[in-house]
Amino acid sequence: MTGIDLFSPRFHANRFTLGALAGLAGGTAEIAWVLLYSSLGGSDAAVVAQGITSTFSSGAATASSSVILGMAIHMLIAVLLGIAIVISVQALLPRSRSLLLAPCMIVASLVGVWALNFMLVLPLINPDFVHVIPLEASLASKVFFGVAAAFVFGLSDGHRSRHRSRP
């Protein structure tokens, strides 16, 4: 069985694969944060997943599969967001060798996504979801998403830059 080689030139050419991996890492980081936050605060992390489900289908929020469905929706959105972020960063910084600019741009983009979602979109389509966990905790989850996505992006981009500088 062959795996994905993060250091293969073919892998670097595939923005969608890199974006999907960044999104999977970010979405997983958010889930881990919500689980940790909920366990420390004595709340139920399943309510967050059910809230995601209810944002897309109010009827499905009470189904027995609402937690699994919410996590699946979350991860699908995370993958799409990861792809969009990677394509955007590569388009805006195509030849950047900065070790800090791309990760900062990725985290800042995710903070922008959080602000758009929690200040504008969610209050209109599912106002209850905005208050499932405190805004600070939901912002932290998006920052963790950005850090995880930036890490995946950096693994790929950093290695490619080192190979270019070799004779």
N, C-alpha and C. Protein backbone atom coordinates (compact mmCIF):
# COMPACT_ATOMS: atom_id res chain seq x y z
N MET A 1 0.84 -1.17 0.00
CA MET A 1 0.00 0.00 0.00
C MET A 1 0.89 1.24 0.00
N THR A 2 0.61 2.18 -0.89
CA THR A 2 1.39 3.40 -0.93
C THR A 2 0.61 4.53 -0.30
N GLY A 3 1.32 5.40 0.39
CA GLY A 3 0.69 6.54 1.03
C GLY A 3 1.00 7.81 0.25
N ILE A 4 0.52 8.91 0.78
CA ILE A 4 0.79 10.21 0.18
C ILE A 4 2.15 10.66 0.68
N ASP A 5 3.04 10.98 -0.25
CA ASP A 5 4.37 11.47 0.10
C ASP A 5 4.33 13.00 0.12
N LEU A 6 4.34 13.58 1.32
CA LEU A 6 4.28 15.03 1.45
C LEU A 6 5.44 15.72 0.76
N PHE A 7 6.50 15.00 0.48
CA PHE A 7 7.69 15.62 -0.07
C PHE A 7 7.86 15.36 -1.57
N SER A 8 6.90 14.73 -2.18
CA SER A 8 6.94 14.46 -3.60
C SER A 8 6.56 15.71 -4.39
N PRO A 9 7.29 16.02 -5.48
CA PRO A 9 6.92 17.17 -6.31
C PRO A 9 5.51 17.05 -6.87
N ARG A 10 5.07 15.83 -7.16
CA ARG A 10 3.71 15.65 -7.68
C ARG A 10 2.68 16.07 -6.63
N PHE A 11 2.97 15.78 -5.37
CA PHE A 11 2.06 16.17 -4.30
C PHE A 11 1.93 17.68 -4.22
N HIS A 12 3.03 18.38 -4.37
CA HIS A 12 3.01 19.84 -4.25
C HIS A 12 2.19 20.48 -5.36
N ALA A 13 2.13 19.84 -6.50
CA ALA A 13 1.38 20.40 -7.61
C ALA A 13 -0.12 20.27 -7.39
N ASN A 14 -0.52 19.43 -6.50
CA ASN A 14 -1.93 19.19 -6.30
C ASN A 14 -2.46 20.02 -5.14
N ARG A 15 -2.92 21.21 -5.44
CA ARG A 15 -3.45 22.12 -4.43
C ARG A 15 -4.66 21.52 -3.71
N PHE A 16 -5.43 20.76 -4.44
CA PHE A 16 -6.64 20.20 -3.84
C PHE A 16 -6.29 19.18 -2.75
N THR A 17 -5.30 18.36 -3.02
CA THR A 17 -4.87 17.38 -2.02
C THR A 17 -4.31 18.09 -0.80
N LEU A 18 -3.44 19.05 -1.03
CA LEU A 18 -2.85 19.81 0.07
C LEU A 18 -3.94 20.53 0.85
N GLY A 19 -4.87 21.15 0.15
CA GLY A 19 -5.96 21.86 0.82
C GLY A 19 -6.86 20.92 1.60
N ALA A 20 -7.14 19.76 1.03
CA ALA A 20 -7.96 18.78 1.74
C ALA A 20 -7.27 18.30 3.01
N LEU A 21 -5.96 18.04 2.92
CA LEU A 21 -5.22 17.62 4.11
C LEU A 21 -5.17 18.73 5.16
N ALA A 22 -4.98 19.96 4.71
CA ALA A 22 -4.98 21.10 5.63
C ALA A 22 -6.35 21.23 6.30
N GLY A 23 -7.41 21.06 5.52
CA GLY A 23 -8.76 21.13 6.07
C GLY A 23 -9.05 20.00 7.04
N LEU A 24 -8.61 18.80 6.70
CA LEU A 24 -8.79 17.66 7.62
C LEU A 24 -8.05 17.90 8.94
N ALA A 25 -6.83 18.41 8.84
CA ALA A 25 -6.07 18.72 10.05
C ALA A 25 -6.77 19.80 10.86
N GLY A 26 -7.22 20.84 10.19
CA GLY A 26 -7.90 21.93 10.88
C GLY A 26 -9.21 21.50 11.50
N GLY A 27 -10.01 20.75 10.74
CA GLY A 27 -11.29 20.27 11.27
C GLY A 27 -11.10 19.35 12.46
N THR A 28 -10.07 18.51 12.40
CA THR A 28 -9.77 17.61 13.51
C THR A 28 -9.30 18.40 14.73
N ALA A 29 -8.50 19.44 14.50
CA ALA A 29 -8.05 20.29 15.61
C ALA A 29 -9.24 20.97 16.29
N GLU A 30 -10.21 21.40 15.50
CA GLU A 30 -11.40 22.01 16.09
C GLU A 30 -12.19 21.01 16.92
N ILE A 31 -12.36 19.81 16.40
CA ILE A 31 -13.09 18.79 17.16
C ILE A 31 -12.36 18.48 18.46
N ALA A 32 -11.05 18.34 18.39
CA ALA A 32 -10.27 18.07 19.61
C ALA A 32 -10.43 19.20 20.62
N TRP A 33 -10.40 20.44 20.15
CA TRP A 33 -10.56 21.59 21.05
C TRP A 33 -11.94 21.59 21.69
N VAL A 34 -12.97 21.37 20.91
CA VAL A 34 -14.34 21.38 21.45
C VAL A 34 -14.50 20.24 22.47
N LEU A 35 -13.94 19.08 22.18
CA LEU A 35 -14.00 17.97 23.15
C LEU A 35 -13.28 18.34 24.44
N LEU A 36 -12.10 18.91 24.33
CA LEU A 36 -11.34 19.32 25.51
C LEU A 36 -12.08 20.41 26.28
N TYR A 37 -12.53 21.43 25.58
CA TYR A 37 -13.25 22.54 26.21
C TYR A 37 -14.50 22.04 26.92
N SER A 38 -15.24 21.18 26.25
CA SER A 38 -16.47 20.65 26.83
C SER A 38 -16.19 19.80 28.06
N SER A 39 -15.16 18.96 27.99
CA SER A 39 -14.87 18.10 29.14
C SER A 39 -14.38 18.92 30.34
N LEU A 40 -13.61 19.97 30.09
CA LEU A 40 -13.14 20.81 31.19
C LEU A 40 -14.26 21.66 31.79
N GLY A 41 -15.20 22.03 30.93
CA GLY A 41 -16.29 22.89 31.39
C GLY A 41 -17.53 22.14 31.81
N GLY A 42 -17.52 20.83 31.71
CA GLY A 42 -18.66 20.03 32.12
C GLY A 42 -19.85 20.12 31.17
N SER A 43 -19.60 20.51 29.92
CA SER A 43 -20.71 20.58 28.96
C SER A 43 -20.64 19.39 28.00
N ASP A 44 -21.59 19.32 27.12
CA ASP A 44 -21.70 18.19 26.20
C ASP A 44 -21.28 18.62 24.80
N ALA A 45 -20.19 18.07 24.30
CA ALA A 45 -19.69 18.42 22.97
C ALA A 45 -20.66 17.99 21.87
N ALA A 46 -21.49 17.01 22.16
CA ALA A 46 -22.46 16.55 21.16
C ALA A 46 -23.43 17.66 20.77
N VAL A 47 -23.67 18.58 21.68
CA VAL A 47 -24.58 19.70 21.39
C VAL A 47 -24.02 20.56 20.24
N VAL A 48 -22.70 20.68 20.17
CA VAL A 48 -22.09 21.45 19.09
C VAL A 48 -22.36 20.75 17.75
N ALA A 49 -22.13 19.45 17.70
CA ALA A 49 -22.38 18.70 16.46
C ALA A 49 -23.86 18.75 16.08
N GLN A 50 -24.74 18.63 17.07
CA GLN A 50 -26.18 18.74 16.79
C GLN A 50 -26.53 20.14 16.29
N GLY A 51 -25.84 21.15 16.79
CA GLY A 51 -26.07 22.52 16.33
C GLY A 51 -25.66 22.70 14.88
N ILE A 52 -24.58 22.05 14.49
CA ILE A 52 -24.17 22.10 13.09
C ILE A 52 -25.24 21.46 12.22
N THR A 53 -25.73 20.31 12.66
CA THR A 53 -26.78 19.62 11.91
C THR A 53 -28.02 20.50 11.80
N SER A 54 -28.42 21.13 12.91
CA SER A 54 -29.63 21.95 12.87
C SER A 54 -29.47 23.18 12.00
N THR A 55 -28.23 23.64 11.80
CA THR A 55 -28.00 24.78 10.90
C THR A 55 -28.36 24.42 9.47
N PHE A 56 -28.16 23.17 9.11
CA PHE A 56 -28.44 22.73 7.74
C PHE A 56 -29.81 22.08 7.59
N SER A 57 -30.32 21.49 8.68
CA SER A 57 -31.64 20.86 8.63
C SER A 57 -32.20 20.80 10.05
N SER A 58 -33.15 21.66 10.33
CA SER A 58 -33.70 21.69 11.70
C SER A 58 -34.36 20.37 12.06
N GLY A 59 -34.93 19.69 11.11
CA GLY A 59 -35.57 18.41 11.37
C GLY A 59 -34.58 17.31 11.71
N ALA A 60 -33.40 17.36 11.12
CA ALA A 60 -32.39 16.31 11.36
C ALA A 60 -31.69 16.48 12.70
N ALA A 61 -31.85 17.63 13.33
CA ALA A 61 -31.14 17.90 14.59
C ALA A 61 -31.58 16.97 15.72
N THR A 62 -32.78 16.43 15.64
CA THR A 62 -33.27 15.54 16.70
C THR A 62 -33.12 14.06 16.35
N ALA A 63 -32.63 13.79 15.15
CA ALA A 63 -32.44 12.39 14.74
C ALA A 63 -31.32 11.75 15.55
N SER A 64 -31.37 10.44 15.65
CA SER A 64 -30.36 9.72 16.43
C SER A 64 -28.96 9.88 15.82
N SER A 65 -28.91 10.15 14.55
CA SER A 65 -27.62 10.30 13.87
C SER A 65 -27.16 11.75 13.77
N SER A 66 -27.78 12.66 14.51
CA SER A 66 -27.49 14.09 14.36
C SER A 66 -26.05 14.44 14.74
N VAL A 67 -25.47 13.74 15.70
CA VAL A 67 -24.09 14.03 16.10
C VAL A 67 -23.13 13.60 14.99
N ILE A 68 -23.31 12.41 14.47
CA ILE A 68 -22.46 11.91 13.38
C ILE A 68 -22.63 12.79 12.15
N LEU A 69 -23.87 13.14 11.84
CA LEU A 69 -24.14 14.00 10.69
C LEU A 69 -23.48 15.37 10.88
N GLY A 70 -23.56 15.93 12.07
CA GLY A 70 -22.93 17.21 12.35
C GLY A 70 -21.43 17.16 12.18
N MET A 71 -20.81 16.08 12.64
CA MET A 71 -19.36 15.93 12.47
C MET A 71 -18.99 15.77 10.99
N ALA A 72 -19.80 15.03 10.26
CA ALA A 72 -19.54 14.84 8.82
C ALA A 72 -19.67 16.17 8.08
N ILE A 73 -20.71 16.93 8.41
CA ILE A 73 -20.88 18.25 7.79
C ILE A 73 -19.69 19.14 8.13
N HIS A 74 -19.30 19.13 9.41
CA HIS A 74 -18.16 19.93 9.86
C HIS A 74 -16.90 19.58 9.07
N MET A 75 -16.62 18.29 8.90
CA MET A 75 -15.40 17.88 8.21
C MET A 75 -15.47 18.19 6.71
N LEU A 76 -16.64 18.08 6.12
CA LEU A 76 -16.80 18.44 4.71
C LEU A 76 -16.52 19.93 4.52
N ILE A 77 -17.09 20.75 5.38
CA ILE A 77 -16.84 22.19 5.31
C ILE A 77 -15.36 22.48 5.57
N ALA A 78 -14.75 21.76 6.50
CA ALA A 78 -13.34 21.96 6.82
C ALA A 78 -12.47 21.66 5.60
N VAL A 79 -12.76 20.58 4.89
CA VAL A 79 -11.99 20.23 3.69
C VAL A 79 -12.15 21.31 2.62
N LEU A 80 -13.39 21.75 2.40
CA LEU A 80 -13.62 22.81 1.41
C LEU A 80 -12.91 24.10 1.80
N LEU A 81 -12.96 24.43 3.08
CA LEU A 81 -12.28 25.62 3.58
C LEU A 81 -10.76 25.48 3.43
N GLY A 82 -10.23 24.31 3.73
CA GLY A 82 -8.80 24.07 3.56
C GLY A 82 -8.36 24.25 2.12
N ILE A 83 -9.15 23.74 1.19
CA ILE A 83 -8.84 23.90 -0.23
C ILE A 83 -8.86 25.38 -0.61
N ALA A 84 -9.89 26.09 -0.18
CA ALA A 84 -9.99 27.52 -0.51
C ALA A 84 -8.82 28.31 0.08
N ILE A 85 -8.43 28.00 1.30
CA ILE A 85 -7.33 28.71 1.95
C ILE A 85 -6.02 28.43 1.23
N VAL A 86 -5.73 27.17 0.92
CA VAL A 86 -4.47 26.83 0.24
C VAL A 86 -4.41 27.49 -1.13
N ILE A 87 -5.48 27.42 -1.89
CA ILE A 87 -5.49 28.05 -3.22
C ILE A 87 -5.27 29.56 -3.08
N SER A 88 -5.92 30.18 -2.11
CA SER A 88 -5.78 31.63 -1.90
C SER A 88 -4.35 32.00 -1.51
N VAL A 89 -3.80 31.27 -0.56
CA VAL A 89 -2.44 31.58 -0.10
C VAL A 89 -1.44 31.38 -1.24
N GLN A 90 -1.57 30.29 -1.97
CA GLN A 90 -0.64 30.05 -3.07
C GLN A 90 -0.80 31.09 -4.18
N ALA A 91 -2.01 31.59 -4.38
CA ALA A 91 -2.22 32.61 -5.40
C ALA A 91 -1.64 33.96 -4.97
N LEU A 92 -1.77 34.27 -3.70
CA LEU A 92 -1.29 35.56 -3.21
C LEU A 92 0.20 35.57 -2.88
N LEU A 93 0.74 34.40 -2.53
CA LEU A 93 2.15 34.30 -2.15
C LEU A 93 2.83 33.20 -2.98
N PRO A 94 2.80 33.29 -4.30
CA PRO A 94 3.30 32.16 -5.10
C PRO A 94 4.79 31.89 -4.95
N ARG A 95 5.59 32.90 -4.69
CA ARG A 95 7.04 32.67 -4.61
C ARG A 95 7.60 33.08 -3.26
N SER A 96 6.75 33.23 -2.29
CA SER A 96 7.21 33.68 -0.99
C SER A 96 8.07 32.63 -0.31
N ARG A 97 9.15 33.06 0.26
CA ARG A 97 10.01 32.16 1.02
C ARG A 97 9.89 32.48 2.52
N SER A 98 8.97 33.35 2.85
CA SER A 98 8.79 33.74 4.24
C SER A 98 8.28 32.56 5.06
N LEU A 99 8.90 32.35 6.20
CA LEU A 99 8.46 31.27 7.07
C LEU A 99 7.25 31.67 7.91
N LEU A 100 7.00 32.97 8.03
CA LEU A 100 5.91 33.42 8.87
C LEU A 100 4.72 33.99 8.11
N LEU A 101 4.93 34.51 6.92
CA LEU A 101 3.85 35.19 6.21
C LEU A 101 2.69 34.25 5.87
N ALA A 102 2.98 33.10 5.29
CA ALA A 102 1.90 32.17 4.91
C ALA A 102 1.13 31.66 6.13
N PRO A 103 1.80 31.19 7.20
CA PRO A 103 1.04 30.74 8.37
C PRO A 103 0.20 31.86 8.99
N CYS A 104 0.76 33.06 9.05
CA CYS A 104 -0.01 34.20 9.59
C CYS A 104 -1.22 34.50 8.72
N MET A 105 -1.03 34.41 7.40
CA MET A 105 -2.14 34.64 6.48
C MET A 105 -3.22 33.57 6.64
N ILE A 106 -2.80 32.34 6.84
CA ILE A 106 -3.76 31.25 7.02
C ILE A 106 -4.57 31.46 8.30
N VAL A 107 -3.90 31.73 9.40
CA VAL A 107 -4.60 31.94 10.68
C VAL A 107 -5.51 33.17 10.58
N ALA A 108 -5.01 34.25 9.99
CA ALA A 108 -5.83 35.47 9.84
C ALA A 108 -7.06 35.20 8.98
N SER A 109 -6.90 34.40 7.95
CA SER A 109 -8.05 34.05 7.09
C SER A 109 -9.11 33.29 7.88
N LEU A 110 -8.65 32.37 8.73
CA LEU A 110 -9.60 31.59 9.54
C LEU A 110 -10.30 32.47 10.57
N VAL A 111 -9.59 33.43 11.13
CA VAL A 111 -10.22 34.37 12.06
C VAL A 111 -11.28 35.18 11.31
N GLY A 112 -10.99 35.55 10.08
CA GLY A 112 -11.97 36.25 9.25
C GLY A 112 -13.20 35.40 8.97
N VAL A 113 -12.97 34.12 8.68
CA VAL A 113 -14.09 33.19 8.46
C VAL A 113 -14.93 33.09 9.73
N TRP A 114 -14.27 32.98 10.89
CA TRP A 114 -14.99 32.92 12.16
C TRP A 114 -15.84 34.18 12.35
N ALA A 115 -15.26 35.34 12.12
CA ALA A 115 -16.00 36.61 12.31
C ALA A 115 -17.21 36.67 11.39
N LEU A 116 -17.03 36.31 10.14
CA LEU A 116 -18.14 36.31 9.19
C LEU A 116 -19.23 35.35 9.65
N ASN A 117 -18.84 34.14 10.06
CA ASN A 117 -19.82 33.14 10.49
C ASN A 117 -20.55 33.56 11.75
N PHE A 118 -19.80 33.93 12.79
CA PHE A 118 -20.41 34.15 14.10
C PHE A 118 -20.99 35.54 14.30
N MET A 119 -20.60 36.49 13.46
CA MET A 119 -21.13 37.84 13.61
C MET A 119 -22.21 38.17 12.58
N LEU A 120 -22.23 37.44 11.47
CA LEU A 120 -23.17 37.78 10.41
C LEU A 120 -24.05 36.60 9.98
N VAL A 121 -23.44 35.51 9.54
CA VAL A 121 -24.20 34.41 8.94
C VAL A 121 -25.02 33.63 9.97
N LEU A 122 -24.36 33.09 10.99
CA LEU A 122 -25.07 32.26 11.97
C LEU A 122 -26.16 33.01 12.74
N PRO A 123 -25.96 34.27 13.13
CA PRO A 123 -27.08 34.97 13.79
C PRO A 123 -28.33 35.06 12.92
N LEU A 124 -28.15 35.02 11.61
CA LEU A 124 -29.30 35.07 10.71
C LEU A 124 -29.94 33.70 10.49
N ILE A 125 -29.12 32.65 10.34
CA ILE A 125 -29.70 31.35 9.98
C ILE A 125 -29.89 30.40 11.16
N ASN A 126 -29.09 30.55 12.22
CA ASN A 126 -29.25 29.70 13.40
C ASN A 126 -28.71 30.44 14.63
N PRO A 127 -29.45 31.42 15.12
CA PRO A 127 -28.96 32.24 16.24
C PRO A 127 -28.65 31.44 17.50
N ASP A 128 -29.33 30.33 17.71
CA ASP A 128 -29.06 29.50 18.90
C ASP A 128 -27.65 28.91 18.87
N PHE A 129 -27.16 28.60 17.68
CA PHE A 129 -25.85 27.97 17.57
C PHE A 129 -24.72 28.90 18.04
N VAL A 130 -24.91 30.20 17.86
CA VAL A 130 -23.89 31.18 18.24
C VAL A 130 -23.56 31.06 19.73
N HIS A 131 -24.53 30.62 20.53
CA HIS A 131 -24.36 30.59 21.98
C HIS A 131 -24.14 29.18 22.54
N VAL A 132 -23.90 28.21 21.68
CA VAL A 132 -23.68 26.83 22.16
C VAL A 132 -22.42 26.77 23.02
N ILE A 133 -21.35 27.40 22.56
CA ILE A 133 -20.17 27.59 23.39
C ILE A 133 -19.82 29.08 23.32
N PRO A 134 -19.11 29.59 24.32
CA PRO A 134 -18.79 31.03 24.32
C PRO A 134 -18.02 31.44 23.05
N LEU A 135 -18.20 32.67 22.63
CA LEU A 135 -17.54 33.15 21.42
C LEU A 135 -16.02 32.99 21.49
N GLU A 136 -15.45 33.21 22.67
CA GLU A 136 -14.01 33.07 22.81
C GLU A 136 -13.56 31.63 22.52
N ALA A 137 -14.34 30.68 22.95
CA ALA A 137 -14.00 29.28 22.71
C ALA A 137 -14.17 28.92 21.24
N SER A 138 -15.19 29.46 20.59
CA SER A 138 -15.36 29.18 19.17
C SER A 138 -14.27 29.88 18.35
N LEU A 139 -13.85 31.08 18.78
CA LEU A 139 -12.74 31.75 18.10
C LEU A 139 -11.45 30.93 18.28
N ALA A 140 -11.22 30.43 19.48
CA ALA A 140 -10.03 29.61 19.72
C ALA A 140 -10.04 28.38 18.81
N SER A 141 -11.21 27.79 18.60
CA SER A 141 -11.26 26.60 17.73
C SER A 141 -10.85 26.95 16.31
N LYS A 142 -11.23 28.13 15.84
CA LYS A 142 -10.87 28.54 14.48
C LYS A 142 -9.37 28.86 14.40
N VAL A 143 -8.81 29.42 15.46
CA VAL A 143 -7.37 29.67 15.49
C VAL A 143 -6.62 28.33 15.45
N PHE A 144 -7.09 27.35 16.21
CA PHE A 144 -6.47 26.03 16.18
C PHE A 144 -6.57 25.40 14.79
N PHE A 145 -7.71 25.61 14.13
CA PHE A 145 -7.86 25.15 12.75
C PHE A 145 -6.75 25.78 11.91
N GLY A 146 -6.58 27.09 12.03
CA GLY A 146 -5.57 27.80 11.24
C GLY A 146 -4.17 27.32 11.51
N VAL A 147 -3.85 27.08 12.77
CA VAL A 147 -2.51 26.60 13.13
C VAL A 147 -2.28 25.21 12.54
N ALA A 148 -3.26 24.32 12.65
CA ALA A 148 -3.11 22.97 12.10
C ALA A 148 -3.00 23.02 10.58
N ALA A 149 -3.83 23.82 9.93
CA ALA A 149 -3.76 23.94 8.47
C ALA A 149 -2.43 24.55 8.04
N ALA A 150 -1.96 25.55 8.77
CA ALA A 150 -0.67 26.18 8.45
C ALA A 150 0.48 25.18 8.62
N PHE A 151 0.37 24.32 9.61
CA PHE A 151 1.39 23.29 9.81
C PHE A 151 1.47 22.37 8.60
N VAL A 152 0.33 21.89 8.13
CA VAL A 152 0.30 21.00 6.96
C VAL A 152 0.84 21.74 5.74
N PHE A 153 0.40 22.97 5.56
CA PHE A 153 0.87 23.79 4.44
C PHE A 153 2.39 23.99 4.54
N GLY A 154 2.88 24.25 5.73
CA GLY A 154 4.30 24.47 5.95
C GLY A 154 5.14 23.24 5.70
N LEU A 155 4.63 22.06 6.03
CA LEU A 155 5.36 20.83 5.74
C LEU A 155 5.61 20.72 4.25
N SER A 156 4.60 21.03 3.49
CA SER A 156 4.70 20.93 2.04
C SER A 156 5.58 22.03 1.48
N ASP A 157 5.26 23.27 1.79
CA ASP A 157 5.95 24.42 1.21
C ASP A 157 7.39 24.52 1.68
N GLY A 158 7.63 24.25 2.95
CA GLY A 158 8.97 24.36 3.48
C GLY A 158 9.93 23.37 2.83
N HIS A 159 9.50 22.15 2.64
CA HIS A 159 10.38 21.15 2.03
C HIS A 159 10.67 21.48 0.58
N ARG A 160 9.67 21.98 -0.13
CA ARG A 160 9.87 22.34 -1.53
C ARG A 160 10.92 23.43 -1.66
N SER A 161 10.89 24.42 -0.77
CA SER A 161 11.86 25.51 -0.81
C SER A 161 13.27 25.00 -0.56
N ARG A 162 13.44 24.05 0.35
CA ARG A 162 14.77 23.51 0.65
C ARG A 162 15.33 22.78 -0.60
N HIS A 163 14.47 22.05 -1.31
CA HIS A 163 14.95 21.34 -2.50
C HIS A 163 15.37 22.30 -3.59
N ARG A 164 14.70 23.42 -3.73
CA ARG A 164 15.06 24.39 -4.75
C ARG A 164 16.43 24.99 -4.52
N SER A 165 16.82 25.11 -3.27
CA SER A 165 18.09 25.75 -2.97
C SER A 165 19.29 24.80 -3.08
N ARG A 166 19.04 23.51 -3.24
CA ARG A 166 20.13 22.55 -3.37
C ARG A 166 20.67 22.58 -4.78
N PRO A 167 21.98 22.32 -4.95
CA PRO A 167 22.57 22.28 -6.31
C PRO A 167 22.09 21.09 -7.11
